[in-house]
Amino acid sequence: MGIVFKLVLLILMLCPLTINSSFQYLTFVQQWPRGYCTVNPANPSRCQRIPLPTVFTIHGLWPGNFTKILQNCTKTSYTQLQNFQDWNNRNLRWPDLAKPLPTMQNFQEPRFQSFWKHEWKKHGTCSENMYPEATYFSRTIQLSQRHNILNYLATGNIFPGSNPTVSSVNSTIYRAISNHVPDLMCVTPPRQTPALVEIGICFTATMTTIIDCPSQFLRTGSCGIGTINFPA
């Protein structure tokens, strides 16, 4: 037993994921602004961004492992952006839809970076041993540049304003990302069909390879089994 224990300990010591972090994969989540902002039954007017983006925008990059959801892993604080151009570059693909556009004079106010602060503290800190804050944000933005969800959906003739089936959305994204399972999320307003809000793509911890999103954490069930709304 002593030899077996030492062998297991050695394997754990040599495992990169064990040394670097507790996460094993990453879910890259993009949100559809029309869905996020218009179909929430609890707060249908929660968005103040005018005009709304007409592309999928970043919700976040969520580290996880195959046994549990990881959140709030360390107490590392968020660093406020001090340069308006830096703020604007991040905002182009990762806007806070709940807030109006700030000006060059007030963009440093905490409320205009609260969304990024939330995503960093809740999710980013769970991968900071591999992706320090600046890297976490820049690599996430790079993923959004490589994965255009609207273009992916168009390959299946799925466009804003349509009412596809959840299976057609799922299979279209599946084919677009080299036959890997995505993660869909819908919201269902009272007495209406589910509306598409988010689509997630999962990657290995190094962000080099797309993988199936783990079945135990899929939110695709929120879309039901029939027709869904892709709000225009």
Protein backbone atom coordinates (compact mmCIF):
# COMPACT_ATOMS: atom_id res chain seq x y z
CA MET A 1 0.00 0.00 0.00
CA GLY A 2 2.89 2.33 0.75
CA ILE A 3 4.28 1.93 -2.77
CA VAL A 4 0.86 2.51 -4.37
CA PHE A 5 0.30 5.64 -2.27
CA LYS A 6 3.69 7.05 -3.28
CA LEU A 7 2.98 6.30 -6.96
CA VAL A 8 -0.39 8.09 -6.84
CA LEU A 9 1.21 11.05 -5.07
CA LEU A 10 3.91 11.23 -7.75
CA ILE A 11 1.30 11.23 -10.54
CA LEU A 12 -0.59 14.04 -8.85
CA MET A 13 2.58 16.05 -8.44
CA LEU A 14 3.39 15.70 -12.14
CA CYS A 15 -0.11 16.55 -13.37
CA PRO A 16 -0.06 20.10 -14.87
CA LEU A 17 -3.67 20.85 -13.96
CA THR A 18 -3.03 19.90 -10.36
CA ILE A 19 0.02 22.13 -10.19
CA ASN A 20 -1.45 25.11 -12.06
CA SER A 21 -5.07 25.18 -11.00
CA SER A 22 -8.13 23.23 -9.95
CA PHE A 23 -9.96 23.72 -13.25
CA GLN A 24 -10.00 21.24 -16.11
CA TYR A 25 -11.89 23.00 -18.89
CA LEU A 26 -13.36 26.38 -19.85
CA THR A 27 -16.85 27.31 -21.02
CA PHE A 28 -16.83 30.34 -23.30
CA VAL A 29 -20.30 31.88 -23.06
CA GLN A 30 -21.72 34.41 -25.50
CA GLN A 31 -25.10 36.07 -25.05
CA TRP A 32 -27.67 37.27 -27.57
CA PRO A 33 -28.51 40.87 -26.52
CA ARG A 34 -32.10 40.78 -27.78
CA GLY A 35 -32.72 37.63 -25.81
CA TYR A 36 -30.92 38.78 -22.70
CA CYS A 37 -32.58 42.19 -22.62
CA THR A 38 -36.15 41.60 -23.75
CA VAL A 39 -37.40 38.25 -22.54
CA ASN A 40 -36.51 38.16 -18.85
CA PRO A 41 -39.89 37.79 -17.10
CA ALA A 42 -38.50 39.13 -13.83
CA ASN A 43 -37.12 42.35 -15.30
CA PRO A 44 -38.02 42.92 -18.96
CA SER A 45 -36.40 46.38 -19.10
CA ARG A 46 -33.15 45.61 -17.32
CA CYS A 47 -30.92 46.78 -20.19
CA GLN A 48 -29.89 50.41 -20.62
CA ARG A 49 -27.46 49.96 -23.52
CA ILE A 50 -28.76 51.88 -26.53
CA PRO A 51 -28.53 50.77 -29.23
CA LEU A 52 -28.26 47.09 -28.40
CA PRO A 53 -25.45 45.24 -30.17
CA THR A 54 -26.61 43.20 -33.14
CA VAL A 55 -24.06 40.43 -32.58
CA PHE A 56 -23.52 37.91 -29.82
CA THR A 57 -21.49 39.54 -27.04
CA ILE A 58 -19.34 37.96 -24.35
CA HIS A 59 -20.93 36.92 -21.08
CA GLY A 60 -17.84 35.27 -19.70
CA LEU A 61 -15.19 32.57 -19.65
CA TRP A 62 -16.05 30.08 -16.93
CA PRO A 63 -13.42 27.64 -15.62
CA GLY A 64 -14.78 24.37 -14.30
CA ASN A 65 -13.95 20.79 -13.59
CA PHE A 66 -15.88 17.63 -14.26
CA THR A 67 -17.15 17.17 -10.72
CA LYS A 68 -18.30 20.60 -9.62
CA ILE A 69 -18.89 24.19 -10.68
CA LEU A 70 -16.07 26.51 -9.66
CA GLN A 71 -16.81 30.01 -8.38
CA ASN A 72 -15.11 32.73 -6.32
CA CYS A 73 -11.88 30.77 -6.06
CA THR A 74 -9.61 33.47 -4.60
CA LYS A 75 -9.89 36.95 -3.18
CA THR A 76 -7.74 38.52 -5.89
CA SER A 77 -9.18 41.96 -6.59
CA TYR A 78 -10.17 43.37 -9.97
CA THR A 79 -7.96 46.09 -11.49
CA GLN A 80 -9.93 49.05 -12.81
CA LEU A 81 -9.07 50.15 -16.35
CA GLN A 82 -7.67 53.67 -16.28
CA ASN A 83 -7.39 54.39 -20.00
CA PHE A 84 -10.56 55.06 -22.00
CA GLN A 85 -9.20 53.34 -25.10
CA ASP A 86 -8.54 50.18 -23.07
CA TRP A 87 -12.07 50.40 -21.69
CA ASN A 88 -13.54 50.89 -25.15
CA ASN A 89 -11.56 48.02 -26.69
CA ARG A 90 -12.95 45.65 -24.08
CA ASN A 91 -16.43 47.11 -24.30
CA LEU A 92 -16.70 46.42 -28.04
CA ARG A 93 -16.98 42.68 -27.51
CA TRP A 94 -17.74 42.45 -23.80
CA PRO A 95 -20.28 45.22 -23.09
CA ASP A 96 -22.33 45.55 -19.93
CA LEU A 97 -25.79 45.59 -21.49
CA ALA A 98 -27.38 46.69 -18.23
CA LYS A 99 -25.51 50.01 -18.23
CA PRO A 100 -25.67 53.02 -20.54
CA LEU A 101 -22.55 54.03 -22.42
CA PRO A 102 -20.26 56.13 -20.25
CA THR A 103 -18.29 59.13 -21.40
CA MET A 104 -14.56 59.70 -21.42
CA GLN A 105 -15.08 61.65 -18.21
CA ASN A 106 -16.92 59.01 -16.16
CA PHE A 107 -15.89 55.59 -17.54
CA GLN A 108 -13.70 55.05 -14.46
CA GLU A 109 -16.72 55.02 -12.18
CA PRO A 110 -17.01 51.54 -10.61
CA ARG A 111 -20.49 50.97 -12.06
CA PHE A 112 -19.11 51.02 -15.60
CA GLN A 113 -16.71 48.18 -14.82
CA SER A 114 -18.84 46.25 -12.36
CA PHE A 115 -19.74 43.54 -14.89
CA TRP A 116 -16.09 42.79 -15.63
CA LYS A 117 -15.29 42.91 -11.93
CA HIS A 118 -18.07 40.40 -11.26
CA GLU A 119 -16.90 38.03 -14.01
CA TRP A 120 -13.28 38.22 -12.84
CA LYS A 121 -14.03 37.62 -9.17
CA LYS A 122 -16.64 34.90 -9.72
CA HIS A 123 -15.01 33.05 -12.63
CA GLY A 124 -11.64 34.47 -13.63
CA THR A 125 -10.05 33.89 -10.25
CA CYS A 126 -10.61 30.16 -10.76
CA SER A 127 -8.07 30.12 -13.58
CA GLU A 128 -5.71 32.90 -12.52
CA ASN A 129 -2.75 30.56 -12.01
CA MET A 130 -2.80 30.01 -15.78
CA TYR A 131 -4.50 33.23 -16.85
CA PRO A 132 -3.76 36.36 -14.79
CA GLU A 133 -6.39 39.06 -15.06
CA ALA A 134 -5.10 40.84 -18.17
CA THR A 135 -4.55 37.53 -19.94
CA TYR A 136 -7.98 36.25 -18.89
CA PHE A 137 -9.71 39.19 -20.53
CA SER A 138 -7.53 39.35 -23.65
CA ARG A 139 -7.75 35.61 -24.35
CA THR A 140 -11.52 35.67 -23.90
CA ILE A 141 -11.81 38.50 -26.41
CA GLN A 142 -9.64 36.52 -28.82
CA LEU A 143 -12.08 33.62 -28.55
CA SER A 144 -14.95 35.94 -29.51
CA GLN A 145 -13.00 37.07 -32.56
CA ARG A 146 -12.59 33.47 -33.68
CA HIS A 147 -16.11 32.22 -32.95
CA ASN A 148 -18.88 34.23 -34.59
CA ILE A 149 -22.10 32.65 -33.36
CA LEU A 150 -24.31 34.49 -35.88
CA ASN A 151 -22.20 33.12 -38.72
CA TYR A 152 -22.38 29.65 -37.24
CA LEU A 153 -26.18 29.82 -36.99
CA ALA A 154 -26.45 31.16 -40.54
CA THR A 155 -24.92 27.91 -41.83
CA GLY A 156 -28.14 26.26 -40.67
CA ASN A 157 -30.36 29.04 -42.05
CA ILE A 158 -31.09 30.27 -38.54
CA PHE A 159 -31.41 34.04 -38.30
CA PRO A 160 -32.70 36.58 -35.76
CA GLY A 161 -36.47 36.79 -35.92
CA SER A 162 -36.87 33.11 -36.71
CA ASN A 163 -38.37 30.30 -34.66
CA PRO A 164 -36.07 27.32 -35.07
CA THR A 165 -36.27 24.12 -33.09
CA VAL A 166 -33.86 23.71 -30.24
CA SER A 167 -32.49 20.60 -31.92
CA SER A 168 -31.70 22.55 -35.12
CA VAL A 169 -29.84 25.25 -33.15
CA ASN A 170 -27.98 22.62 -31.18
CA SER A 171 -27.03 20.58 -34.23
CA THR A 172 -26.02 23.66 -36.26
CA ILE A 173 -23.60 24.84 -33.57
CA TYR A 174 -22.46 21.23 -33.07
CA ARG A 175 -21.42 20.98 -36.72
CA ALA A 176 -19.87 24.47 -36.74
CA ILE A 177 -17.51 23.62 -33.88
CA SER A 178 -16.24 20.34 -35.34
CA ASN A 179 -18.89 18.05 -33.90
CA HIS A 180 -18.72 19.02 -30.26
CA VAL A 181 -21.64 19.54 -27.89
CA PRO A 182 -22.42 23.20 -27.11
CA ASP A 183 -24.31 24.59 -24.12
CA LEU A 184 -27.53 26.49 -24.86
CA MET A 185 -29.53 28.59 -22.43
CA CYS A 186 -33.06 29.91 -22.91
CA VAL A 187 -35.47 32.01 -20.87
CA THR A 188 -39.20 31.37 -21.07
CA PRO A 189 -41.48 34.39 -20.55
CA PRO A 190 -44.96 33.62 -19.18
CA ARG A 191 -47.16 31.83 -21.75
CA GLN A 192 -44.52 32.17 -24.45
CA THR A 193 -42.01 29.91 -26.16
CA PRO A 194 -38.45 29.71 -24.79
CA ALA A 195 -36.18 32.44 -26.15
CA LEU A 196 -32.52 31.88 -26.97
CA VAL A 197 -30.28 33.86 -24.62
CA GLU A 198 -26.83 32.22 -24.51
CA ILE A 199 -24.62 29.75 -26.33
CA GLY A 200 -21.51 28.27 -24.73
CA ILE A 201 -18.55 26.49 -26.31
CA CYS A 202 -16.20 24.42 -24.17
CA PHE A 203 -12.42 24.24 -24.43
CA THR A 204 -9.55 22.42 -22.85
CA ALA A 205 -7.80 24.32 -20.06
CA THR A 206 -5.18 25.56 -22.53
CA MET A 207 -7.89 26.97 -24.88
CA THR A 208 -6.31 25.05 -27.75
CA THR A 209 -9.02 22.46 -28.39
CA ILE A 210 -12.82 22.52 -28.40
CA ILE A 211 -14.41 19.72 -26.38
CA ASP A 212 -17.95 18.57 -25.58
CA CYS A 213 -19.50 20.67 -22.86
CA PRO A 214 -19.98 18.29 -19.90
CA SER A 215 -23.47 16.78 -19.95
CA GLN A 216 -23.87 17.12 -16.18
CA PHE A 217 -23.72 20.92 -16.42
CA LEU A 218 -25.60 21.57 -19.67
CA ARG A 219 -28.33 24.21 -19.54
CA THR A 220 -29.84 23.17 -22.87
CA GLY A 221 -32.84 21.71 -21.04
CA SER A 222 -33.95 25.30 -20.36
CA CYS A 223 -34.86 25.51 -24.07
CA GLY A 224 -37.32 22.62 -23.95
CA ILE A 225 -37.62 20.14 -26.81
CA GLY A 226 -39.58 22.04 -29.46
CA THR A 227 -39.61 25.44 -31.13
CA ILE A 228 -37.71 28.33 -29.59
CA ASN A 229 -37.65 32.07 -30.30
CA PHE A 230 -34.54 33.75 -31.68
CA PRO A 231 -35.57 37.38 -30.92
CA ALA A 232 -34.90 40.06 -33.52
